[in-house]
Amino acid sequence: MGTLMVETHLIAYLRSGTLVMVKFMVMLWSRDTRSASSSKGV
């Protein structure tokens, strides 16, 4: 029972961690594309 709890917690932690990473990457990517397009327009 104990190990199962730890496993589920670890999976949830990893899942949330990857979600944060994806959000961060998307944020950076959108910012990069925005700056690139604005410079292209100018």
PDB file of N, CA and C in Angstrom:
ATOM      1  N   MET A   1       0.846  -1.206   0.000  1.00  0.00           N
ATOM      2  CA  MET A   1       0.000   0.000   0.000  1.00  0.00           C
ATOM      3  C   MET A   1       0.882   1.258   0.000  1.00  0.00           C
ATOM      4  N   GLY A   2       1.901   1.222   0.850  1.00  0.00           N
ATOM      5  CA  GLY A   2       2.784   2.387   0.965  1.00  0.00           C
ATOM      6  C   GLY A   2       3.479   2.706  -0.354  1.00  0.00           C
ATOM      7  N   THR A   3       4.035   1.664  -0.991  1.00  0.00           N
ATOM      8  CA  THR A   3       4.766   1.885  -2.240  1.00  0.00           C
ATOM      9  C   THR A   3       3.820   2.396  -3.326  1.00  0.00           C
ATOM     10  N   LEU A   4       2.581   1.900  -3.316  1.00  0.00           N
ATOM     11  CA  LEU A   4       1.605   2.329  -4.316  1.00  0.00           C
ATOM     12  C   LEU A   4       1.335   3.821  -4.169  1.00  0.00           C
ATOM     13  N   MET A   5       1.190   4.267  -2.923  1.00  0.00           N
ATOM     14  CA  MET A   5       0.951   5.689  -2.656  1.00  0.00           C
ATOM     15  C   MET A   5       2.101   6.515  -3.207  1.00  0.00           C
ATOM     16  N   VAL A   6       3.324   6.092  -2.910  1.00  0.00           N
ATOM     17  CA  VAL A   6       4.517   6.812  -3.370  1.00  0.00           C
ATOM     18  C   VAL A   6       4.543   6.853  -4.896  1.00  0.00           C
ATOM     19  N   GLU A   7       4.210   5.739  -5.533  1.00  0.00           N
ATOM     20  CA  GLU A   7       4.213   5.664  -6.994  1.00  0.00           C
ATOM     21  C   GLU A   7       3.221   6.653  -7.591  1.00  0.00           C
ATOM     22  N   THR A   8       2.005   6.674  -7.056  1.00  0.00           N
ATOM     23  CA  THR A   8       0.984   7.578  -7.581  1.00  0.00           C
ATOM     24  C   THR A   8       1.412   9.031  -7.391  1.00  0.00           C
ATOM     25  N   HIS A   9       2.016   9.324  -6.216  1.00  0.00           N
ATOM     26  CA  HIS A   9       2.471  10.684  -5.942  1.00  0.00           C
ATOM     27  C   HIS A   9       3.566  11.065  -6.928  1.00  0.00           C
ATOM     28  N   LEU A  10       4.467  10.137  -7.190  1.00  0.00           N
ATOM     29  CA  LEU A  10       5.584  10.384  -8.103  1.00  0.00           C
ATOM     30  C   LEU A  10       5.060  10.641  -9.512  1.00  0.00           C
ATOM     31  N   ILE A  11       4.081   9.820  -9.935  1.00  0.00           N
ATOM     32  CA  ILE A  11       3.498   9.982 -11.274  1.00  0.00           C
ATOM     33  C   ILE A  11       2.812  11.347 -11.376  1.00  0.00           C
ATOM     34  N   ALA A  12       2.053  11.707 -10.346  1.00  0.00           N
ATOM     35  CA  ALA A  12       1.354  12.998 -10.351  1.00  0.00           C
ATOM     36  C   ALA A  12       2.366  14.136 -10.391  1.00  0.00           C
ATOM     37  N   TYR A  13       3.469  13.988  -9.638  1.00  0.00           N
ATOM     38  CA  TYR A  13       4.510  15.018  -9.594  1.00  0.00           C
ATOM     39  C   TYR A  13       5.162  15.170 -10.964  1.00  0.00           C
ATOM     40  N   LEU A  14       5.493  14.035 -11.576  1.00  0.00           N
ATOM     41  CA  LEU A  14       6.123  14.061 -12.898  1.00  0.00           C
ATOM     42  C   LEU A  14       5.177  14.671 -13.927  1.00  0.00           C
ATOM     43  N   ARG A  15       3.908  14.301 -13.828  1.00  0.00           N
ATOM     44  CA  ARG A  15       2.912  14.801 -14.778  1.00  0.00           C
ATOM     45  C   ARG A  15       2.801  16.321 -14.673  1.00  0.00           C
ATOM     46  N   SER A  16       2.699  16.822 -13.438  1.00  0.00           N
ATOM     47  CA  SER A  16       2.593  18.272 -13.236  1.00  0.00           C
ATOM     48  C   SER A  16       3.884  18.950 -13.681  1.00  0.00           C
ATOM     49  N   GLY A  17       5.011  18.286 -13.444  1.00  0.00           N
ATOM     50  CA  GLY A  17       6.304  18.850 -13.838  1.00  0.00           C
ATOM     51  C   GLY A  17       6.389  19.009 -15.340  1.00  0.00           C
ATOM     52  N   THR A  18       5.960  17.987 -16.080  1.00  0.00           N
ATOM     53  CA  THR A  18       6.007  18.047 -17.540  1.00  0.00           C
ATOM     54  C   THR A  18       5.040  19.113 -18.051  1.00  0.00           C
ATOM     55  N   LEU A  19       3.889  19.245 -17.368  1.00  0.00           N
ATOM     56  CA  LEU A  19       2.910  20.255 -17.767  1.00  0.00           C
ATOM     57  C   LEU A  19       3.523  21.638 -17.659  1.00  0.00           C
ATOM     58  N   VAL A  20       4.221  21.886 -16.536  1.00  0.00           N
ATOM     59  CA  VAL A  20       4.859  23.182 -16.317  1.00  0.00           C
ATOM     60  C   VAL A  20       5.919  23.423 -17.384  1.00  0.00           C
ATOM     61  N   MET A  21       6.696  22.372 -17.688  1.00  0.00           N
ATOM     62  CA  MET A  21       7.752  22.494 -18.697  1.00  0.00           C
ATOM     63  C   MET A  21       7.150  22.846 -20.052  1.00  0.00           C
ATOM     64  N   VAL A  22       6.062  22.142 -20.417  1.00  0.00           N
ATOM     65  CA  VAL A  22       5.408  22.393 -21.708  1.00  0.00           C
ATOM     66  C   VAL A  22       4.894  23.827 -21.766  1.00  0.00           C
ATOM     67  N   LYS A  23       4.265  24.270 -20.678  1.00  0.00           N
ATOM     68  CA  LYS A  23       3.733  25.639 -20.636  1.00  0.00           C
ATOM     69  C   LYS A  23       4.860  26.641 -20.815  1.00  0.00           C
ATOM     70  N   PHE A  24       5.981  26.392 -20.123  1.00  0.00           N
ATOM     71  CA  PHE A  24       7.130  27.283 -20.184  1.00  0.00           C
ATOM     72  C   PHE A  24       7.697  27.326 -21.600  1.00  0.00           C
ATOM     73  N   MET A  25       7.833  26.144 -22.205  1.00  0.00           N
ATOM     74  CA  MET A  25       8.374  26.063 -23.566  1.00  0.00           C
ATOM     75  C   MET A  25       7.458  26.786 -24.549  1.00  0.00           C
ATOM     76  N   VAL A  26       6.147  26.583 -24.412  1.00  0.00           N
ATOM     77  CA  VAL A  26       5.181  27.243 -25.302  1.00  0.00           C
ATOM     78  C   VAL A  26       5.275  28.754 -25.143  1.00  0.00           C
ATOM     79  N   MET A  27       5.434  29.204 -23.882  1.00  0.00           N
ATOM     80  CA  MET A  27       5.532  30.630 -23.604  1.00  0.00           C
ATOM     81  C   MET A  27       6.758  31.212 -24.299  1.00  0.00           C
ATOM     82  N   LEU A  28       7.899  30.530 -24.152  1.00  0.00           N
ATOM     83  CA  LEU A  28       9.143  30.987 -24.786  1.00  0.00           C
ATOM     84  C   LEU A  28       9.001  30.974 -26.303  1.00  0.00           C
ATOM     85  N   TRP A  29       8.438  29.882 -26.828  1.00  0.00           N
ATOM     86  CA  TRP A  29       8.298  29.730 -28.277  1.00  0.00           C
ATOM     87  C   TRP A  29       7.405  30.824 -28.858  1.00  0.00           C
ATOM     88  N   SER A  30       6.274  31.080 -28.213  1.00  0.00           N
ATOM     89  CA  SER A  30       5.349  32.107 -28.697  1.00  0.00           C
ATOM     90  C   SER A  30       6.024  33.478 -28.646  1.00  0.00           C
ATOM     91  N   ARG A  31       6.807  33.712 -27.596  1.00  0.00           N
ATOM     92  CA  ARG A  31       7.509  34.995 -27.468  1.00  0.00           C
ATOM     93  C   ARG A  31       8.543  35.141 -28.586  1.00  0.00           C
ATOM     94  N   ASP A  32       9.259  34.057 -28.869  1.00  0.00           N
ATOM     95  CA  ASP A  32      10.279  34.078 -29.927  1.00  0.00           C
ATOM     96  C   ASP A  32       9.638  34.339 -31.283  1.00  0.00           C
ATOM     97  N   THR A  33       8.560  33.638 -31.591  1.00  0.00           N
ATOM     98  CA  THR A  33       7.897  33.801 -32.887  1.00  0.00           C
ATOM     99  C   THR A  33       7.324  35.213 -33.008  1.00  0.00           C
ATOM    100  N   ARG A  34       6.820  35.737 -31.902  1.00  0.00           N
ATOM    101  CA  ARG A  34       6.233  37.073 -31.917  1.00  0.00           C
ATOM    102  C   ARG A  34       7.313  38.109 -32.222  1.00  0.00           C
ATOM    103  N   SER A  35       8.451  38.008 -31.545  1.00  0.00           N
ATOM    104  CA  SER A  35       9.541  38.962 -31.765  1.00  0.00           C
ATOM    105  C   SER A  35      10.084  38.818 -33.182  1.00  0.00           C
ATOM    106  N   ALA A  36      10.154  37.577 -33.674  1.00  0.00           N
ATOM    107  CA  ALA A  36      10.675  37.330 -35.025  1.00  0.00           C
ATOM    108  C   ALA A  36       9.731  37.934 -36.064  1.00  0.00           C
ATOM    109  N   SER A  37       8.426  37.748 -35.887  1.00  0.00           N
ATOM    110  CA  SER A  37       7.453  38.261 -36.848  1.00  0.00           C
ATOM    111  C   SER A  37       7.432  39.795 -36.810  1.00  0.00           C
ATOM    112  N   SER A  38       7.560  40.378 -35.626  1.00  0.00           N
ATOM    113  CA  SER A  38       7.534  41.836 -35.501  1.00  0.00           C
ATOM    114  C   SER A  38       8.761  42.428 -36.190  1.00  0.00           C
ATOM    115  N   SER A  39       9.921  41.794 -36.011  1.00  0.00           N
ATOM    116  CA  SER A  39      11.148  42.290 -36.640  1.00  0.00           C
ATOM    117  C   SER A  39      11.039  42.119 -38.156  1.00  0.00           C
ATOM    118  N   LYS A  40      10.380  41.034 -38.577  1.00  0.00           N
ATOM    119  CA  LYS A  40      10.202  40.778 -40.009  1.00  0.00           C
ATOM    120  C   LYS A  40       9.298  41.877 -40.604  1.00  0.00           C
ATOM    121  N   GLY A  41       8.258  42.248 -39.868  1.00  0.00           N
ATOM    122  CA  GLY A  41       7.337  43.268 -40.342  1.00  0.00           C
ATOM    123  C   GLY A  41       8.059  44.603 -40.491  1.00  0.00           C
ATOM    124  N   VAL A  42       8.966  44.888 -39.553  1.00  0.00           N
ATOM    125  CA  VAL A  42       9.732  46.147 -39.603  1.00  0.00           C
ATOM    126  C   VAL A  42      10.856  45.978 -40.624  1.00  0.00           C
TER     127      VAL A  42
END
